[in-house]
Amino acid sequence: MTTDEGCTISIEDNGTGFKEDDLKLVFDKFFRAWNAKTGGTGLGLSIAKGFADAMHGRIEVQNKPEGGAQFFVYLPAVSNSLSYNENE
């Protein structure tokens, strides 16, 4: 979704979601949820947050009522209207 202030990207899954206490930790380096499968280092979401922060945006997560998690990435952008003239 885009607005005059920027864009929002929504990503969701159908997994088990996160424990409420874990929601505030998911973007910490090396954090792995209690139900995480083997593999991975716990850096992916921390890196994603670093990118969002570097672009003056933010990333958030919430559990979906029907199960799973939903992530929102907000990125600011300047809207610009360009005009096109076929005679130029």
PDB file of N, CA and C in Angstrom:
ATOM      1  N   MET A   1       0.843  -1.164   0.000  1.00  0.00           N
ATOM      2  CA  MET A   1       0.000   0.000   0.000  1.00  0.00           C
ATOM      3  C   MET A   1       0.898   1.240   0.000  1.00  0.00           C
ATOM      4  N   THR A   2       0.562   2.218  -0.777  1.00  0.00           N
ATOM      5  CA  THR A   2       1.329   3.461  -0.799  1.00  0.00           C
ATOM      6  C   THR A   2       0.458   4.615  -0.318  1.00  0.00           C
ATOM      7  N   THR A   3       1.105   5.592   0.290  1.00  0.00           N
ATOM      8  CA  THR A   3       0.448   6.824   0.719  1.00  0.00           C
ATOM      9  C   THR A   3       1.357   7.976   0.337  1.00  0.00           C
ATOM     10  N   ASP A   4       0.963   9.178   0.675  1.00  0.00           N
ATOM     11  CA  ASP A   4       1.805  10.343   0.402  1.00  0.00           C
ATOM     12  C   ASP A   4       3.096  10.309   1.224  1.00  0.00           C
ATOM     13  N   GLU A   5       3.087   9.574   2.337  1.00  0.00           N
ATOM     14  CA  GLU A   5       4.259   9.523   3.211  1.00  0.00           C
ATOM     15  C   GLU A   5       5.214   8.390   2.856  1.00  0.00           C
ATOM     16  N   GLY A   6       4.750   7.378   2.125  1.00  0.00           N
ATOM     17  CA  GLY A   6       5.620   6.255   1.809  1.00  0.00           C
ATOM     18  C   GLY A   6       4.822   5.020   1.443  1.00  0.00           C
ATOM     19  N   CYS A   7       5.385   3.862   1.775  1.00  0.00           N
ATOM     20  CA  CYS A   7       4.692   2.614   1.447  1.00  0.00           C
ATOM     21  C   CYS A   7       4.764   1.643   2.618  1.00  0.00           C
ATOM     22  N   THR A   8       3.815   0.739   2.642  1.00  0.00           N
ATOM     23  CA  THR A   8       3.750  -0.308   3.650  1.00  0.00           C
ATOM     24  C   THR A   8       3.770  -1.646   2.941  1.00  0.00           C
ATOM     25  N   ILE A   9       4.634  -2.521   3.411  1.00  0.00           N
ATOM     26  CA  ILE A   9       4.706  -3.887   2.898  1.00  0.00           C
ATOM     27  C   ILE A   9       4.238  -4.800   4.013  1.00  0.00           C
ATOM     28  N   SER A  10       3.306  -5.690   3.705  1.00  0.00           N
ATOM     29  CA  SER A  10       2.780  -6.623   4.685  1.00  0.00           C
ATOM     30  C   SER A  10       3.156  -8.043   4.270  1.00  0.00           C
ATOM     31  N   ILE A  11       3.714  -8.799   5.212  1.00  0.00           N
ATOM     32  CA  ILE A  11       4.089 -10.186   4.977  1.00  0.00           C
ATOM     33  C   ILE A  11       3.475 -11.001   6.105  1.00  0.00           C
ATOM     34  N   GLU A  12       2.803 -12.088   5.752  1.00  0.00           N
ATOM     35  CA  GLU A  12       2.202 -12.905   6.797  1.00  0.00           C
ATOM     36  C   GLU A  12       2.415 -14.384   6.526  1.00  0.00           C
ATOM     37  N   ASP A  13       2.275 -15.168   7.594  1.00  0.00           N
ATOM     38  CA  ASP A  13       2.398 -16.616   7.455  1.00  0.00           C
ATOM     39  C   ASP A  13       1.243 -17.295   8.169  1.00  0.00           C
ATOM     40  N   ASN A  14       1.187 -18.586   8.068  1.00  0.00           N
ATOM     41  CA  ASN A  14       0.123 -19.363   8.696  1.00  0.00           C
ATOM     42  C   ASN A  14       0.672 -20.288   9.771  1.00  0.00           C
ATOM     43  N   GLY A  15       1.796 -19.901  10.355  1.00  0.00           N
ATOM     44  CA  GLY A  15       2.416 -20.725  11.392  1.00  0.00           C
ATOM     45  C   GLY A  15       1.698 -20.598  12.718  1.00  0.00           C
ATOM     46  N   THR A  16       2.438 -20.812  13.793  1.00  0.00           N
ATOM     47  CA  THR A  16       1.857 -20.774  15.130  1.00  0.00           C
ATOM     48  C   THR A  16       1.919 -19.386  15.765  1.00  0.00           C
ATOM     49  N   GLY A  17       2.603 -18.458  15.128  1.00  0.00           N
ATOM     50  CA  GLY A  17       2.755 -17.130  15.706  1.00  0.00           C
ATOM     51  C   GLY A  17       3.832 -17.117  16.771  1.00  0.00           C
ATOM     52  N   PHE A  18       3.867 -16.055  17.558  1.00  0.00           N
ATOM     53  CA  PHE A  18       4.875 -15.870  18.595  1.00  0.00           C
ATOM     54  C   PHE A  18       4.204 -15.807  19.953  1.00  0.00           C
ATOM     55  N   LYS A  19       4.902 -16.257  20.996  1.00  0.00           N
ATOM     56  CA  LYS A  19       4.435 -16.027  22.358  1.00  0.00           C
ATOM     57  C   LYS A  19       4.440 -14.513  22.583  1.00  0.00           C
ATOM     58  N   GLU A  20       3.514 -14.047  23.403  1.00  0.00           N
ATOM     59  CA  GLU A  20       3.411 -12.603  23.649  1.00  0.00           C
ATOM     60  C   GLU A  20       4.725 -12.015  24.142  1.00  0.00           C
ATOM     61  N   ASP A  21       5.422 -12.712  25.012  1.00  0.00           N
ATOM     62  CA  ASP A  21       6.713 -12.214  25.533  1.00  0.00           C
ATOM     63  C   ASP A  21       7.770 -12.143  24.439  1.00  0.00           C
ATOM     64  N   ASP A  22       7.654 -12.996  23.421  1.00  0.00           N
ATOM     65  CA  ASP A  22       8.646 -13.030  22.340  1.00  0.00           C
ATOM     66  C   ASP A  22       8.451 -11.906  21.322  1.00  0.00           C
ATOM     67  N   LEU A  23       7.249 -11.347  21.236  1.00  0.00           N
ATOM     68  CA  LEU A  23       6.982 -10.313  20.230  1.00  0.00           C
ATOM     69  C   LEU A  23       7.924  -9.126  20.353  1.00  0.00           C
ATOM     70  N   LYS A  24       8.317  -8.785  21.582  1.00  0.00           N
ATOM     71  CA  LYS A  24       9.219  -7.638  21.763  1.00  0.00           C
ATOM     72  C   LYS A  24      10.682  -8.003  21.540  1.00  0.00           C
ATOM     73  N   LEU A  25      10.964  -9.292  21.316  1.00  0.00           N
ATOM     74  CA  LEU A  25      12.344  -9.752  21.154  1.00  0.00           C
ATOM     75  C   LEU A  25      12.694 -10.189  19.733  1.00  0.00           C
ATOM     76  N   VAL A  26      11.713 -10.336  18.850  1.00  0.00           N
ATOM     77  CA  VAL A  26      11.958 -10.975  17.546  1.00  0.00           C
ATOM     78  C   VAL A  26      12.983 -10.238  16.693  1.00  0.00           C
ATOM     79  N   PHE A  27      13.196  -8.958  16.920  1.00  0.00           N
ATOM     80  CA  PHE A  27      14.151  -8.192  16.120  1.00  0.00           C
ATOM     81  C   PHE A  27      15.531  -8.101  16.778  1.00  0.00           C
ATOM     82  N   ASP A  28      15.698  -8.741  17.937  1.00  0.00           N
ATOM     83  CA  ASP A  28      16.994  -8.759  18.615  1.00  0.00           C
ATOM     84  C   ASP A  28      17.938  -9.737  17.914  1.00  0.00           C
ATOM     85  N   LYS A  29      19.219  -9.378  17.860  1.00  0.00           N
ATOM     86  CA  LYS A  29      20.214 -10.268  17.255  1.00  0.00           C
ATOM     87  C   LYS A  29      20.233 -11.605  17.987  1.00  0.00           C
ATOM     88  N   PHE A  30      20.290 -12.673  17.211  1.00  0.00           N
ATOM     89  CA  PHE A  30      20.413 -14.047  17.678  1.00  0.00           C
ATOM     90  C   PHE A  30      19.182 -14.586  18.407  1.00  0.00           C
ATOM     91  N   PHE A  31      18.074 -13.824  18.394  1.00  0.00           N
ATOM     92  CA  PHE A  31      16.859 -14.342  19.035  1.00  0.00           C
ATOM     93  C   PHE A  31      16.256 -15.447  18.180  1.00  0.00           C
ATOM     94  N   ARG A  32      15.866 -16.517  18.834  1.00  0.00           N
ATOM     95  CA  ARG A  32      15.160 -17.615  18.164  1.00  0.00           C
ATOM     96  C   ARG A  32      13.946 -17.949  19.016  1.00  0.00           C
ATOM     97  N   ALA A  33      12.797 -18.014  18.401  1.00  0.00           N
ATOM     98  CA  ALA A  33      11.559 -18.302  19.127  1.00  0.00           C
ATOM     99  C   ALA A  33      11.589 -19.705  19.707  1.00  0.00           C
ATOM    100  N   TRP A  34      10.795 -19.939  20.697  1.00  0.00           N
ATOM    101  CA  TRP A  34      10.723 -21.228  21.389  1.00  0.00           C
ATOM    102  C   TRP A  34      10.391 -22.371  20.431  1.00  0.00           C
ATOM    103  N   ASN A  35       9.633 -22.084  19.378  1.00  0.00           N
ATOM    104  CA  ASN A  35       9.199 -23.136  18.450  1.00  0.00           C
ATOM    105  C   ASN A  35       9.981 -23.126  17.138  1.00  0.00           C
ATOM    106  N   ALA A  36      11.137 -22.453  17.131  1.00  0.00           N
ATOM    107  CA  ALA A  36      11.935 -22.360  15.904  1.00  0.00           C
ATOM    108  C   ALA A  36      12.493 -23.722  15.526  1.00  0.00           C
ATOM    109  N   LYS A  37      12.446 -24.006  14.239  1.00  0.00           N
ATOM    110  CA  LYS A  37      13.039 -25.246  13.747  1.00  0.00           C
ATOM    111  C   LYS A  37      14.558 -25.100  13.762  1.00  0.00           C
ATOM    112  N   THR A  38      15.241 -26.214  13.683  1.00  0.00           N
ATOM    113  CA  THR A  38      16.700 -26.168  13.687  1.00  0.00           C
ATOM    114  C   THR A  38      17.198 -25.434  12.443  1.00  0.00           C
ATOM    115  N   GLY A  39      18.367 -24.859  12.566  1.00  0.00           N
ATOM    116  CA  GLY A  39      18.934 -24.082  11.475  1.00  0.00           C
ATOM    117  C   GLY A  39      18.692 -22.602  11.706  1.00  0.00           C
ATOM    118  N   GLY A  40      19.450 -21.794  11.016  1.00  0.00           N
ATOM    119  CA  GLY A  40      19.323 -20.352  11.174  1.00  0.00           C
ATOM    120  C   GLY A  40      20.120 -19.859  12.362  1.00  0.00           C
ATOM    121  N   THR A  41      20.399 -18.575  12.344  1.00  0.00           N
ATOM    122  CA  THR A  41      21.218 -17.992  13.397  1.00  0.00           C
ATOM    123  C   THR A  41      20.479 -16.955  14.223  1.00  0.00           C
ATOM    124  N   GLY A  42      19.267 -16.609  13.816  1.00  0.00           N
ATOM    125  CA  GLY A  42      18.543 -15.576  14.538  1.00  0.00           C
ATOM    126  C   GLY A  42      18.966 -14.175  14.142  1.00  0.00           C
ATOM    127  N   LEU A  43      19.500 -14.021  12.949  1.00  0.00           N
ATOM    128  CA  LEU A  43      19.942 -12.695  12.497  1.00  0.00           C
ATOM    129  C   LEU A  43      19.027 -12.060  11.449  1.00  0.00           C
ATOM    130  N   GLY A  44      18.215 -12.841  10.768  1.00  0.00           N
ATOM    131  CA  GLY A  44      17.440 -12.331   9.640  1.00  0.00           C
ATOM    132  C   GLY A  44      16.547 -11.150   9.974  1.00  0.00           C
ATOM    133  N   LEU A  45      15.751 -11.255  11.027  1.00  0.00           N
ATOM    134  CA  LEU A  45      14.842 -10.158  11.377  1.00  0.00           C
ATOM    135  C   LEU A  45      15.602  -8.955  11.927  1.00  0.00           C
ATOM    136  N   SER A  46      16.727  -9.201  12.596  1.00  0.00           N
ATOM    137  CA  SER A  46      17.563  -8.101  13.068  1.00  0.00           C
ATOM    138  C   SER A  46      18.141  -7.320  11.886  1.00  0.00           C
ATOM    139  N   ILE A  47      18.560  -8.042  10.860  1.00  0.00           N
ATOM    140  CA  ILE A  47      19.086  -7.387   9.653  1.00  0.00           C
ATOM    141  C   ILE A  47      17.978  -6.609   8.946  1.00  0.00           C
ATOM    142  N   ALA A  48      16.783  -7.205   8.850  1.00  0.00           N
ATOM    143  CA  ALA A  48      15.651  -6.506   8.228  1.00  0.00           C
ATOM    144  C   ALA A  48      15.331  -5.216   8.979  1.00  0.00           C
ATOM    145  N   LYS A  49      15.379  -5.261  10.320  1.00  0.00           N
ATOM    146  CA  LYS A  49      15.141  -4.056  11.116  1.00  0.00           C
ATOM    147  C   LYS A  49      16.230  -3.023  10.860  1.00  0.00           C
ATOM    148  N   GLY A  50      17.468  -3.478  10.722  1.00  0.00           N
ATOM    149  CA  GLY A  50      18.570  -2.556  10.431  1.00  0.00           C
ATOM    150  C   GLY A  50      18.368  -1.833   9.111  1.00  0.00           C
ATOM    151  N   PHE A  51      17.917  -2.555   8.092  1.00  0.00           N
ATOM    152  CA  PHE A  51      17.631  -1.918   6.801  1.00  0.00           C
ATOM    153  C   PHE A  51      16.498  -0.906   6.928  1.00  0.00           C
ATOM    154  N   ALA A  52      15.424  -1.295   7.597  1.00  0.00           N
ATOM    155  CA  ALA A  52      14.287  -0.378   7.767  1.00  0.00           C
ATOM    156  C   ALA A  52      14.723   0.873   8.525  1.00  0.00           C
ATOM    157  N   ASP A  53      15.477   0.693   9.604  1.00  0.00           N
ATOM    158  CA  ASP A  53      15.969   1.838  10.386  1.00  0.00           C
ATOM    159  C   ASP A  53      16.861   2.741   9.534  1.00  0.00           C
ATOM    160  N   ALA A  54      17.736   2.142   8.725  1.00  0.00           N
ATOM    161  CA  ALA A  54      18.655   2.922   7.894  1.00  0.00           C
ATOM    162  C   ALA A  54      17.907   3.789   6.886  1.00  0.00           C
ATOM    163  N   MET A  55      16.712   3.352   6.500  1.00  0.00           N
ATOM    164  CA  MET A  55      15.901   4.119   5.541  1.00  0.00           C
ATOM    165  C   MET A  55      14.857   4.980   6.253  1.00  0.00           C
ATOM    166  N   HIS A  56      15.056   5.178   7.564  1.00  0.00           N
ATOM    167  CA  HIS A  56      14.154   5.979   8.403  1.00  0.00           C
ATOM    168  C   HIS A  56      12.738   5.418   8.414  1.00  0.00           C
ATOM    169  N   GLY A  57      12.630   4.108   8.289  1.00  0.00           N
ATOM    170  CA  GLY A  57      11.344   3.426   8.362  1.00  0.00           C
ATOM    171  C   GLY A  57      11.275   2.609   9.632  1.00  0.00           C
ATOM    172  N   ARG A  58      10.380   1.639   9.629  1.00  0.00           N
ATOM    173  CA  ARG A  58      10.272   0.755  10.784  1.00  0.00           C
ATOM    174  C   ARG A  58       9.664  -0.577  10.354  1.00  0.00           C
ATOM    175  N   ILE A  59       9.835  -1.574  11.196  1.00  0.00           N
ATOM    176  CA  ILE A  59       9.267  -2.892  10.956  1.00  0.00           C
ATOM    177  C   ILE A  59       8.585  -3.322  12.248  1.00  0.00           C
ATOM    178  N   GLU A  60       7.411  -3.913  12.120  1.00  0.00           N
ATOM    179  CA  GLU A  60       6.626  -4.340  13.276  1.00  0.00           C
ATOM    180  C   GLU A  60       6.085  -5.740  13.023  1.00  0.00           C
ATOM    181  N   VAL A  61       5.736  -6.419  14.085  1.00  0.00           N
ATOM    182  CA  VAL A  61       5.150  -7.760  13.977  1.00  0.00           C
ATOM    183  C   VAL A  61       3.972  -7.861  14.936  1.00  0.00           C
ATOM    184  N   GLN A  62       2.995  -8.636  14.526  1.00  0.00           N
ATOM    185  CA  GLN A  62       1.870  -8.952  15.409  1.00  0.00           C
ATOM    186  C   GLN A  62       1.385 -10.357  15.086  1.00  0.00           C
ATOM    187  N   ASN A  63       0.749 -10.980  16.050  1.00  0.00           N
ATOM    188  CA  ASN A  63       0.132 -12.276  15.806  1.00  0.00           C
ATOM    189  C   ASN A  63      -1.227 -12.062  15.159  1.00  0.00           C
ATOM    190  N   LYS A  64      -1.566 -12.912  14.204  1.00  0.00           N
ATOM    191  CA  LYS A  64      -2.888 -12.857  13.582  1.00  0.00           C
ATOM    192  C   LYS A  64      -3.872 -13.617  14.468  1.00  0.00           C
ATOM    193  N   PRO A  65      -5.110 -13.152  14.572  1.00  0.00           N
ATOM    194  CA  PRO A  65      -6.094 -13.833  15.420  1.00  0.00           C
ATOM    195  C   PRO A  65      -6.304 -15.300  15.032  1.00  0.00           C
ATOM    196  N   GLU A  66      -6.232 -15.593  13.745  1.00  0.00           N
ATOM    197  CA  GLU A  66      -6.463 -16.963  13.281  1.00  0.00           C
ATOM    198  C   GLU A  66      -5.202 -17.820  13.319  1.00  0.00           C
ATOM    199  N   GLY A  67      -4.109 -17.273  13.795  1.00  0.00           N
ATOM    200  CA  GLY A  67      -2.839 -17.992  13.878  1.00  0.00           C
ATOM    201  C   GLY A  67      -1.843 -17.440  12.882  1.00  0.00           C
ATOM    202  N   GLY A  68      -0.586 -17.582  13.197  1.00  0.00           N
ATOM    203  CA  GLY A  68       0.465 -17.065  12.336  1.00  0.00           C
ATOM    204  C   GLY A  68       0.855 -15.657  12.741  1.00  0.00           C
ATOM    205  N   ALA A  69       1.820 -15.124  12.042  1.00  0.00           N
ATOM    206  CA  ALA A  69       2.335 -13.784  12.326  1.00  0.00           C
ATOM    207  C   ALA A  69       2.194 -12.907  11.093  1.00  0.00           C
ATOM    208  N   GLN A  70       2.123 -11.612  11.330  1.00  0.00           N
ATOM    209  CA  GLN A  70       2.061 -10.643  10.243  1.00  0.00           C
ATOM    210  C   GLN A  70       3.083  -9.555  10.537  1.00  0.00           C
ATOM    211  N   PHE A  71       3.942  -9.303   9.550  1.00  0.00           N
ATOM    212  CA  PHE A  71       4.969  -8.272   9.654  1.00  0.00           C
ATOM    213  C   PHE A  71       4.574  -7.100   8.780  1.00  0.00           C
ATOM    214  N   PHE A  72       4.859  -5.897   9.245  1.00  0.00           N
ATOM    215  CA  PHE A  72       4.617  -4.675   8.485  1.00  0.00           C
ATOM    216  C   PHE A  72       5.931  -3.925   8.374  1.00  0.00           C
ATOM    217  N   VAL A  73       6.306  -3.570   7.159  1.00  0.00           N
ATOM    218  CA  VAL A  73       7.496  -2.762   6.918  1.00  0.00           C
ATOM    219  C   VAL A  73       7.004  -1.428   6.372  1.00  0.00           C
ATOM    220  N   TYR A  74       7.298  -0.358   7.097  1.00  0.00           N
ATOM    221  CA  TYR A  74       6.923   0.998   6.692  1.00  0.00           C
ATOM    222  C   TYR A  74       8.169   1.711   6.190  1.00  0.00           C
ATOM    223  N   LEU A  75       8.130   2.191   4.959  1.00  0.00           N
ATOM    224  CA  LEU A  75       9.262   2.914   4.384  1.00  0.00           C
ATOM    225  C   LEU A  75       8.801   4.272   3.900  1.00  0.00           C
ATOM    226  N   PRO A  76       9.431   5.332   4.380  1.00  0.00           N
ATOM    227  CA  PRO A  76       9.052   6.662   3.924  1.00  0.00           C
ATOM    228  C   PRO A  76       9.532   6.880   2.487  1.00  0.00           C
ATOM    229  N   ALA A  77       8.788   7.667   1.773  1.00  0.00           N
ATOM    230  CA  ALA A  77       9.165   8.003   0.396  1.00  0.00           C
ATOM    231  C   ALA A  77       8.546   9.342   0.043  1.00  0.00           C
ATOM    232  N   VAL A  78       9.225  10.054  -0.793  1.00  0.00           N
ATOM    233  CA  VAL A  78       8.704  11.318  -1.284  1.00  0.00           C
ATOM    234  C   VAL A  78       7.963  11.038  -2.579  1.00  0.00           C
ATOM    235  N   SER A  79       6.706  11.447  -2.615  1.00  0.00           N
ATOM    236  CA  SER A  79       5.977  11.258  -3.875  1.00  0.00           C
ATOM    237  C   SER A  79       6.315  12.408  -4.802  1.00  0.00           C
ATOM    238  N   ASN A  80       6.360  12.097  -6.053  1.00  0.00           N
ATOM    239  CA  ASN A  80       6.788  13.058  -7.048  1.00  0.00           C
ATOM    240  C   ASN A  80       5.957  12.822  -8.301  1.00  0.00           C
ATOM    241  N   SER A  81       5.390  13.854  -8.837  1.00  0.00           N
ATOM    242  CA  SER A  81       4.641  13.664 -10.082  1.00  0.00           C
ATOM    243  C   SER A  81       5.487  14.177 -11.233  1.00  0.00           C
ATOM    244  N   LEU A  82       5.633  13.344 -12.211  1.00  0.00           N
ATOM    245  CA  LEU A  82       6.405  13.704 -13.396  1.00  0.00           C
ATOM    246  C   LEU A  82       5.416  13.995 -14.534  1.00  0.00           C
ATOM    247  N   SER A  83       5.755  14.952 -15.312  1.00  0.00           N
ATOM    248  CA  SER A  83       4.910  15.211 -16.482  1.00  0.00           C
ATOM    249  C   SER A  83       5.623  14.709 -17.711  1.00  0.00           C
ATOM    250  N   TYR A  84       4.850  14.252 -18.638  1.00  0.00           N
ATOM    251  CA  TYR A  84       5.398  13.698 -19.865  1.00  0.00           C
ATOM    252  C   TYR A  84       4.835  14.483 -21.039  1.00  0.00           C
ATOM    253  N   ASN A  85       5.720  14.958 -21.878  1.00  0.00           N
ATOM    254  CA  ASN A  85       5.294  15.727 -23.028  1.00  0.00           C
ATOM    255  C   ASN A  85       5.880  15.058 -24.270  1.00  0.00           C
ATOM    256  N   GLU A  86       5.008  14.576 -25.156  1.00  0.00           N
ATOM    257  CA  GLU A  86       5.467  13.871 -26.345  1.00  0.00           C
ATOM    258  C   GLU A  86       6.254  14.771 -27.290  1.00  0.00           C
ATOM    259  N   ASN A  87       6.099  16.072 -27.197  1.00  0.00           N
ATOM    260  CA  ASN A  87       6.765  17.000 -28.111  1.00  0.00           C
ATOM    261  C   ASN A  87       8.193  17.332 -27.679  1.00  0.00           C
ATOM    262  N   GLU A  88       8.617  16.875 -26.543  1.00  0.00           N
ATOM    263  CA  GLU A  88       9.973  17.197 -26.079  1.00  0.00           C
ATOM    264  C   GLU A  88      10.945  16.107 -26.457  1.00  0.00           C
TER     265      GLU A  88
END
